[in-house]
Amino acid sequence: MPAAATAANAKSPTANLRIRTSGVKVTRAIVRTKIIERAIAMNLTLDVIRDRLNARSPRRGAKPHAREAAVAAILAPGGASGGWDVLMIRRAERSDDPWSGQMALPGGRKDPLDADLLATAVRETAEETAVALSGGQLLGELDDVEPSTPHLPDILIRPFVFGVGVKPPIRLSDEVAGHVWVPVHELPGWATQEEITVRGSLRRVRGYRVGDALVWGLTERILTPFLELIR
């Protein structure tokens, strides 16, 4: 869930290679990396992702007085690039939203009428994006996450992973300013560390640079373990 920033990209093996080698060798190294990433992405079926998610026990938070919320990581076929894309939204600018304007996964707080947090993820996704999810599309769950800074609400967030056969049409609510389908296999290469201003203070954060947007905070802490799980 994030903001604007001054880039200071984390160094990767490819970045180091650029410094030490000629342009031809760099190009070959990048091409080889892309071929490997594409091959991994092509072999990563929804069944494989489901098996990896279900082979582990997600960590559950123990904060009895915290508000509960849920988000949906929706995977859809990536088209010509192969692999899977994940749906991300940019939250609208709102004074009553502590994550105003940031990149996020669809979701929100549990309603008293929700049967459980899975129902919360499905309902909130439909309200924010008009994407109708079903239990049959559920692949698994990730670790609960909670804010790490005291000025944010006391809330416990449960991420659910869904897989769909085609990219559904998106119709955004007034709580959402935009959306983008992000190639999952590209995200590790977009990892970065940047300085951003949060409530008047300069902070250095980990995240993913997706176009002109920085994905950081709770959303980065949800995505990173997922990426490690499916690599």
C-alpha atoms as a PDB file:
ATOM      1  CA  MET A   1       0.000   0.000   0.000  1.00  0.00           C
ATOM      2  CA  PRO A   2       2.416   3.121  -1.100  1.00  0.00           C
ATOM      3  CA  ALA A   3       3.608   6.530  -2.326  1.00  0.00           C
ATOM      4  CA  ALA A   4       6.111   8.477  -4.410  1.00  0.00           C
ATOM      5  CA  ALA A   5       9.798   8.057  -3.875  1.00  0.00           C
ATOM      6  CA  THR A   6      13.422   8.669  -4.753  1.00  0.00           C
ATOM      7  CA  ALA A   7      14.843   5.535  -6.351  1.00  0.00           C
ATOM      8  CA  ALA A   8      17.716   3.638  -4.789  1.00  0.00           C
ATOM      9  CA  ASN A   9      17.329   0.214  -6.334  1.00  0.00           C
ATOM     10  CA  ALA A  10      18.651  -2.772  -4.427  1.00  0.00           C
ATOM     11  CA  LYS A  11      21.618  -4.321  -6.226  1.00  0.00           C
ATOM     12  CA  SER A  12      21.035  -7.662  -7.902  1.00  0.00           C
ATOM     13  CA  PRO A  13      23.458 -10.140  -9.528  1.00  0.00           C
ATOM     14  CA  THR A  14      22.403  -8.744 -12.893  1.00  0.00           C
ATOM     15  CA  ALA A  15      23.091  -5.184 -11.724  1.00  0.00           C
ATOM     16  CA  ASN A  16      26.588  -6.168 -10.598  1.00  0.00           C
ATOM     17  CA  LEU A  17      27.133  -7.937 -13.915  1.00  0.00           C
ATOM     18  CA  ARG A  18      26.396  -4.724 -15.800  1.00  0.00           C
ATOM     19  CA  ILE A  19      29.294  -3.015 -14.057  1.00  0.00           C
ATOM     20  CA  ARG A  20      31.835  -5.753 -14.644  1.00  0.00           C
ATOM     21  CA  THR A  21      31.141  -6.893 -18.212  1.00  0.00           C
ATOM     22  CA  SER A  22      30.758  -5.644 -21.752  1.00  0.00           C
ATOM     23  CA  GLY A  23      27.437  -4.731 -23.287  1.00  0.00           C
ATOM     24  CA  VAL A  24      27.247  -7.941 -25.336  1.00  0.00           C
ATOM     25  CA  LYS A  25      27.751 -10.146 -22.263  1.00  0.00           C
ATOM     26  CA  VAL A  26      25.223  -8.121 -20.311  1.00  0.00           C
ATOM     27  CA  THR A  27      22.642  -8.517 -23.070  1.00  0.00           C
ATOM     28  CA  ARG A  28      23.207 -12.282 -23.142  1.00  0.00           C
ATOM     29  CA  ALA A  29      22.940 -12.510 -19.360  1.00  0.00           C
ATOM     30  CA  ILE A  30      19.673 -10.560 -19.361  1.00  0.00           C
ATOM     31  CA  VAL A  31      18.271 -12.697 -22.175  1.00  0.00           C
ATOM     32  CA  ARG A  32      19.248 -15.889 -20.335  1.00  0.00           C
ATOM     33  CA  THR A  33      17.588 -14.599 -17.170  1.00  0.00           C
ATOM     34  CA  LYS A  34      14.413 -13.724 -19.065  1.00  0.00           C
ATOM     35  CA  ILE A  35      14.340 -17.181 -20.705  1.00  0.00           C
ATOM     36  CA  ILE A  36      14.682 -18.881 -17.318  1.00  0.00           C
ATOM     37  CA  GLU A  37      11.976 -16.665 -15.786  1.00  0.00           C
ATOM     38  CA  ARG A  38       9.654 -17.372 -18.722  1.00  0.00           C
ATOM     39  CA  ALA A  39      10.258 -21.146 -18.460  1.00  0.00           C
ATOM     40  CA  ILE A  40       9.484 -21.114 -14.733  1.00  0.00           C
ATOM     41  CA  ALA A  41       6.382 -19.016 -15.329  1.00  0.00           C
ATOM     42  CA  MET A  42       5.097 -21.351 -18.060  1.00  0.00           C
ATOM     43  CA  ASN A  43       5.429 -24.426 -15.782  1.00  0.00           C
ATOM     44  CA  LEU A  44       3.761 -22.759 -12.812  1.00  0.00           C
ATOM     45  CA  THR A  45       0.177 -23.970 -13.114  1.00  0.00           C
ATOM     46  CA  LEU A  46      -2.601 -23.053 -10.709  1.00  0.00           C
ATOM     47  CA  ASP A  47      -2.477 -26.626  -9.413  1.00  0.00           C
ATOM     48  CA  VAL A  48       1.219 -26.219  -8.584  1.00  0.00           C
ATOM     49  CA  ILE A  49       0.536 -22.926  -6.803  1.00  0.00           C
ATOM     50  CA  ARG A  50      -2.364 -24.516  -4.881  1.00  0.00           C
ATOM     51  CA  ASP A  51      -0.170 -27.461  -3.826  1.00  0.00           C
ATOM     52  CA  ARG A  52       2.594 -25.155  -2.577  1.00  0.00           C
ATOM     53  CA  LEU A  53       0.153 -23.022  -0.613  1.00  0.00           C
ATOM     54  CA  ASN A  54      -1.541 -26.054   0.941  1.00  0.00           C
ATOM     55  CA  ALA A  55       1.771 -27.715   1.832  1.00  0.00           C
ATOM     56  CA  ARG A  56       2.368 -25.133   4.535  1.00  0.00           C
ATOM     57  CA  SER A  57       0.490 -23.862   7.566  1.00  0.00           C
ATOM     58  CA  PRO A  58      -0.004 -20.099   7.303  1.00  0.00           C
ATOM     59  CA  ARG A  59       0.910 -18.082  10.382  1.00  0.00           C
ATOM     60  CA  ARG A  60      -2.111 -16.778  12.214  1.00  0.00           C
ATOM     61  CA  GLY A  61      -2.054 -13.579  14.235  1.00  0.00           C
ATOM     62  CA  ALA A  62      -3.118 -13.580  17.880  1.00  0.00           C
ATOM     63  CA  LYS A  63      -4.561 -10.116  18.547  1.00  0.00           C
ATOM     64  CA  PRO A  64      -8.010 -10.644  20.063  1.00  0.00           C
ATOM     65  CA  HIS A  65      -8.900  -6.942  20.106  1.00  0.00           C
ATOM     66  CA  ALA A  66      -7.665  -6.086  16.617  1.00  0.00           C
ATOM     67  CA  ARG A  67     -10.043  -5.385  13.749  1.00  0.00           C
ATOM     68  CA  GLU A  68      -9.962  -8.068  11.063  1.00  0.00           C
ATOM     69  CA  ALA A  69      -9.601  -7.562   7.322  1.00  0.00           C
ATOM     70  CA  ALA A  70      -8.912  -9.641   4.226  1.00  0.00           C
ATOM     71  CA  VAL A  71      -7.400  -9.076   0.795  1.00  0.00           C
ATOM     72  CA  ALA A  72      -7.450 -11.064  -2.444  1.00  0.00           C
ATOM     73  CA  ALA A  73      -4.405 -11.805  -4.586  1.00  0.00           C
ATOM     74  CA  ILE A  74      -6.109 -12.670  -7.891  1.00  0.00           C
ATOM     75  CA  LEU A  75      -4.001 -14.513 -10.466  1.00  0.00           C
ATOM     76  CA  ALA A  76      -5.015 -14.506 -14.136  1.00  0.00           C
ATOM     77  CA  PRO A  77      -3.220 -15.719 -17.296  1.00  0.00           C
ATOM     78  CA  GLY A  78      -0.496 -13.322 -18.395  1.00  0.00           C
ATOM     79  CA  GLY A  79      -1.224 -13.425 -22.105  1.00  0.00           C
ATOM     80  CA  ALA A  80       1.684 -13.286 -24.568  1.00  0.00           C
ATOM     81  CA  SER A  81       4.236 -12.970 -21.764  1.00  0.00           C
ATOM     82  CA  GLY A  82       3.134 -16.267 -20.207  1.00  0.00           C
ATOM     83  CA  GLY A  83       2.857 -16.974 -16.521  1.00  0.00           C
ATOM     84  CA  TRP A  84       0.399 -15.222 -14.246  1.00  0.00           C
ATOM     85  CA  ASP A  85      -0.575 -11.633 -13.583  1.00  0.00           C
ATOM     86  CA  VAL A  86      -1.816 -10.391 -10.212  1.00  0.00           C
ATOM     87  CA  LEU A  87      -4.463  -7.690  -9.917  1.00  0.00           C
ATOM     88  CA  MET A  88      -3.389  -4.596  -8.015  1.00  0.00           C
ATOM     89  CA  ILE A  89      -5.339  -1.433  -7.291  1.00  0.00           C
ATOM     90  CA  ARG A  90      -4.412   2.122  -6.404  1.00  0.00           C
ATOM     91  CA  ARG A  91      -6.506   3.366  -3.524  1.00  0.00           C
ATOM     92  CA  ALA A  92      -8.310   6.670  -3.986  1.00  0.00           C
ATOM     93  CA  GLU A  93      -7.060   9.745  -2.129  1.00  0.00           C
ATOM     94  CA  ARG A  94      -9.203   9.958   1.001  1.00  0.00           C
ATOM     95  CA  SER A  95      -8.563  11.745   4.271  1.00  0.00           C
ATOM     96  CA  ASP A  96     -10.176   8.945   6.291  1.00  0.00           C
ATOM     97  CA  ASP A  97      -8.023   6.190   4.729  1.00  0.00           C
ATOM     98  CA  PRO A  98      -4.595   5.616   6.352  1.00  0.00           C
ATOM     99  CA  TRP A  99      -3.466   3.911   3.121  1.00  0.00           C
ATOM    100  CA  SER A 100      -4.839   6.667   0.897  1.00  0.00           C
ATOM    101  CA  GLY A 101      -3.386   6.722  -2.620  1.00  0.00           C
ATOM    102  CA  GLN A 102      -1.271   3.612  -2.125  1.00  0.00           C
ATOM    103  CA  MET A 103      -0.977   0.454  -4.218  1.00  0.00           C
ATOM    104  CA  ALA A 104      -2.796  -2.501  -2.703  1.00  0.00           C
ATOM    105  CA  LEU A 105      -4.591  -5.772  -3.267  1.00  0.00           C
ATOM    106  CA  PRO A 106      -8.396  -5.596  -3.366  1.00  0.00           C
ATOM    107  CA  GLY A 107      -9.930  -6.064   0.073  1.00  0.00           C
ATOM    108  CA  GLY A 108     -11.002  -4.393   3.266  1.00  0.00           C
ATOM    109  CA  ARG A 109     -12.358  -4.770   6.777  1.00  0.00           C
ATOM    110  CA  LYS A 110     -14.597  -7.575   7.909  1.00  0.00           C
ATOM    111  CA  ASP A 111     -18.275  -6.722   8.151  1.00  0.00           C
ATOM    112  CA  PRO A 112     -20.359  -8.156  11.026  1.00  0.00           C
ATOM    113  CA  LEU A 113     -22.500  -9.939   8.421  1.00  0.00           C
ATOM    114  CA  ASP A 114     -19.493 -11.703   6.802  1.00  0.00           C
ATOM    115  CA  ALA A 115     -19.466 -15.414   7.661  1.00  0.00           C
ATOM    116  CA  ASP A 116     -15.671 -15.433   7.785  1.00  0.00           C
ATOM    117  CA  LEU A 117     -12.613 -13.663   6.357  1.00  0.00           C
ATOM    118  CA  LEU A 118     -12.904 -15.512   3.052  1.00  0.00           C
ATOM    119  CA  ALA A 119     -16.361 -13.970   2.686  1.00  0.00           C
ATOM    120  CA  THR A 120     -14.804 -10.593   3.486  1.00  0.00           C
ATOM    121  CA  ALA A 121     -12.216 -10.955   0.715  1.00  0.00           C
ATOM    122  CA  VAL A 122     -14.880 -11.996  -1.812  1.00  0.00           C
ATOM    123  CA  ARG A 123     -17.308  -9.214  -0.838  1.00  0.00           C
ATOM    124  CA  GLU A 124     -14.712  -6.427  -0.722  1.00  0.00           C
ATOM    125  CA  THR A 125     -13.226  -7.482  -4.067  1.00  0.00           C
ATOM    126  CA  ALA A 126     -16.670  -7.375  -5.683  1.00  0.00           C
ATOM    127  CA  GLU A 127     -17.407  -3.968  -4.160  1.00  0.00           C
ATOM    128  CA  GLU A 128     -14.077  -2.420  -5.198  1.00  0.00           C
ATOM    129  CA  THR A 129     -13.526  -4.012  -8.633  1.00  0.00           C
ATOM    130  CA  ALA A 130     -16.779  -5.826  -9.613  1.00  0.00           C
ATOM    131  CA  VAL A 131     -14.782  -9.080  -9.826  1.00  0.00           C
ATOM    132  CA  ALA A 132     -16.997 -11.930  -8.584  1.00  0.00           C
ATOM    133  CA  LEU A 133     -14.851 -14.571  -6.894  1.00  0.00           C
ATOM    134  CA  SER A 134     -15.990 -18.010  -5.763  1.00  0.00           C
ATOM    135  CA  GLY A 135     -14.723 -20.586  -3.305  1.00  0.00           C
ATOM    136  CA  GLY A 136     -13.826 -22.861  -6.225  1.00  0.00           C
ATOM    137  CA  GLN A 137     -11.245 -20.313  -7.379  1.00  0.00           C
ATOM    138  CA  LEU A 138      -9.501 -20.236  -4.005  1.00  0.00           C
ATOM    139  CA  LEU A 139      -5.930 -21.554  -4.184  1.00  0.00           C
ATOM    140  CA  GLY A 140      -4.921 -21.016  -0.568  1.00  0.00           C
ATOM    141  CA  GLU A 141      -4.069 -18.564   2.182  1.00  0.00           C
ATOM    142  CA  LEU A 142      -0.961 -16.635   3.202  1.00  0.00           C
ATOM    143  CA  ASP A 143       0.338 -15.499   6.599  1.00  0.00           C
ATOM    144  CA  ASP A 144      -1.663 -12.902   8.492  1.00  0.00           C
ATOM    145  CA  VAL A 145      -0.007  -9.477   8.447  1.00  0.00           C
ATOM    146  CA  GLU A 146      -0.434  -6.423  10.634  1.00  0.00           C
ATOM    147  CA  PRO A 147       0.901  -2.846  10.555  1.00  0.00           C
ATOM    148  CA  SER A 148       4.387  -2.439  11.979  1.00  0.00           C
ATOM    149  CA  THR A 149       4.058   1.256  12.847  1.00  0.00           C
ATOM    150  CA  PRO A 150       2.027   2.503  15.833  1.00  0.00           C
ATOM    151  CA  HIS A 151       0.187   5.321  14.020  1.00  0.00           C
ATOM    152  CA  LEU A 152      -1.687   2.819  11.820  1.00  0.00           C
ATOM    153  CA  PRO A 153      -4.933   1.131  12.926  1.00  0.00           C
ATOM    154  CA  ASP A 154      -4.758  -2.013  15.056  1.00  0.00           C
ATOM    155  CA  ILE A 155      -5.805  -4.439  12.328  1.00  0.00           C
ATOM    156  CA  LEU A 156      -5.050  -8.017  11.306  1.00  0.00           C
ATOM    157  CA  ILE A 157      -5.129  -8.761   7.576  1.00  0.00           C
ATOM    158  CA  ARG A 158      -5.537 -12.210   6.032  1.00  0.00           C
ATOM    159  CA  PRO A 159      -4.485 -12.636   2.369  1.00  0.00           C
ATOM    160  CA  PHE A 160      -6.274 -15.165   0.157  1.00  0.00           C
ATOM    161  CA  VAL A 161      -4.927 -16.303  -3.235  1.00  0.00           C
ATOM    162  CA  PHE A 162      -7.376 -16.946  -6.088  1.00  0.00           C
ATOM    163  CA  GLY A 163      -6.854 -18.195  -9.640  1.00  0.00           C
ATOM    164  CA  VAL A 164      -9.126 -17.319 -12.576  1.00  0.00           C
ATOM    165  CA  GLY A 165      -9.112 -18.694 -16.112  1.00  0.00           C
ATOM    166  CA  VAL A 166      -9.389 -15.332 -17.880  1.00  0.00           C
ATOM    167  CA  LYS A 167      -8.944 -11.732 -16.821  1.00  0.00           C
ATOM    168  CA  PRO A 168     -12.339 -10.485 -15.702  1.00  0.00           C
ATOM    169  CA  PRO A 169     -13.680  -7.054 -16.640  1.00  0.00           C
ATOM    170  CA  ILE A 170     -12.926  -4.450 -13.973  1.00  0.00           C
ATOM    171  CA  ARG A 171     -15.335  -1.768 -12.804  1.00  0.00           C
ATOM    172  CA  LEU A 172     -13.864   0.357 -10.048  1.00  0.00           C
ATOM    173  CA  SER A 173     -15.732   1.841  -7.106  1.00  0.00           C
ATOM    174  CA  ASP A 174     -15.124   5.387  -5.928  1.00  0.00           C
ATOM    175  CA  GLU A 175     -12.742   3.968  -3.295  1.00  0.00           C
ATOM    176  CA  VAL A 176     -10.313   2.926  -6.046  1.00  0.00           C
ATOM    177  CA  ALA A 177      -8.430   5.292  -8.363  1.00  0.00           C
ATOM    178  CA  GLY A 178      -6.996   2.724 -10.776  1.00  0.00           C
ATOM    179  CA  HIS A 179      -5.893  -0.852 -11.359  1.00  0.00           C
ATOM    180  CA  VAL A 180      -3.146  -2.791 -13.122  1.00  0.00           C
ATOM    181  CA  TRP A 181      -2.391  -6.440 -13.878  1.00  0.00           C
ATOM    182  CA  VAL A 182       1.208  -7.053 -12.794  1.00  0.00           C
ATOM    183  CA  PRO A 183       3.288  -9.987 -14.186  1.00  0.00           C
ATOM    184  CA  VAL A 184       4.167 -12.102 -11.153  1.00  0.00           C
ATOM    185  CA  HIS A 185       7.406 -13.437 -12.642  1.00  0.00           C
ATOM    186  CA  GLU A 186       8.645  -9.873 -13.270  1.00  0.00           C
ATOM    187  CA  LEU A 187       8.182  -8.657  -9.694  1.00  0.00           C
ATOM    188  CA  PRO A 188      11.452 -10.051  -8.248  1.00  0.00           C
ATOM    189  CA  GLY A 189      13.338  -8.012 -10.852  1.00  0.00           C
ATOM    190  CA  TRP A 190      11.449  -4.888  -9.823  1.00  0.00           C
ATOM    191  CA  ALA A 191      12.426  -5.157  -6.141  1.00  0.00           C
ATOM    192  CA  THR A 192      13.811  -1.903  -4.790  1.00  0.00           C
ATOM    193  CA  GLN A 193      14.629   0.077  -1.693  1.00  0.00           C
ATOM    194  CA  GLU A 194      13.558   3.694  -1.793  1.00  0.00           C
ATOM    195  CA  GLU A 195      13.214   6.729   0.425  1.00  0.00           C
ATOM    196  CA  ILE A 196       9.689   8.040   0.793  1.00  0.00           C
ATOM    197  CA  THR A 197       8.026  10.678   2.916  1.00  0.00           C
ATOM    198  CA  VAL A 198       5.379   9.306   5.278  1.00  0.00           C
ATOM    199  CA  ARG A 199       3.474  11.812   7.422  1.00  0.00           C
ATOM    200  CA  GLY A 200       6.317  14.314   7.161  1.00  0.00           C
ATOM    201  CA  SER A 201       9.097  11.830   7.994  1.00  0.00           C
ATOM    202  CA  LEU A 202      11.616  10.351   5.571  1.00  0.00           C
ATOM    203  CA  ARG A 203      11.638   6.546   5.557  1.00  0.00           C
ATOM    204  CA  ARG A 204      13.608   3.964   3.609  1.00  0.00           C
ATOM    205  CA  VAL A 205      11.400   1.060   2.597  1.00  0.00           C
ATOM    206  CA  ARG A 206      11.518  -2.156   0.596  1.00  0.00           C
ATOM    207  CA  GLY A 207       9.099  -2.519  -2.261  1.00  0.00           C
ATOM    208  CA  TYR A 208       8.482  -3.164  -5.948  1.00  0.00           C
ATOM    209  CA  ARG A 209       8.632  -0.448  -8.579  1.00  0.00           C
ATOM    210  CA  VAL A 210       5.630  -0.990 -10.862  1.00  0.00           C
ATOM    211  CA  GLY A 211       5.699   1.741 -13.479  1.00  0.00           C
ATOM    212  CA  ASP A 212       5.351   5.060 -11.669  1.00  0.00           C
ATOM    213  CA  ALA A 213       4.030   3.390  -8.513  1.00  0.00           C
ATOM    214  CA  LEU A 214       5.833   1.918  -5.523  1.00  0.00           C
ATOM    215  CA  VAL A 215       4.305  -1.183  -3.927  1.00  0.00           C
ATOM    216  CA  TRP A 216       5.474  -1.230  -0.310  1.00  0.00           C
ATOM    217  CA  GLY A 217       4.362  -1.689   3.298  1.00  0.00           C
ATOM    218  CA  LEU A 218       1.742  -4.329   4.036  1.00  0.00           C
ATOM    219  CA  THR A 219       1.324  -5.197   0.365  1.00  0.00           C
ATOM    220  CA  GLU A 220       5.065  -5.806  -0.072  1.00  0.00           C
ATOM    221  CA  ARG A 221       5.007  -7.969   3.061  1.00  0.00           C
ATOM    222  CA  ILE A 222       2.203 -10.051   1.533  1.00  0.00           C
ATOM    223  CA  LEU A 223       3.729 -10.384  -1.942  1.00  0.00           C
ATOM    224  CA  THR A 224       7.342 -11.157  -1.000  1.00  0.00           C
ATOM    225  CA  PRO A 225       6.678 -14.439   0.880  1.00  0.00           C
ATOM    226  CA  PHE A 226       4.280 -15.479  -1.897  1.00  0.00           C
ATOM    227  CA  LEU A 227       6.935 -14.872  -4.552  1.00  0.00           C
ATOM    228  CA  GLU A 228       9.453 -16.878  -2.530  1.00  0.00           C
ATOM    229  CA  LEU A 229       6.936 -19.714  -2.183  1.00  0.00           C
ATOM    230  CA  ILE A 230       6.298 -20.080  -5.926  1.00  0.00           C
ATOM    231  CA  ARG A 231       9.853 -19.558  -7.191  1.00  0.00           C
END
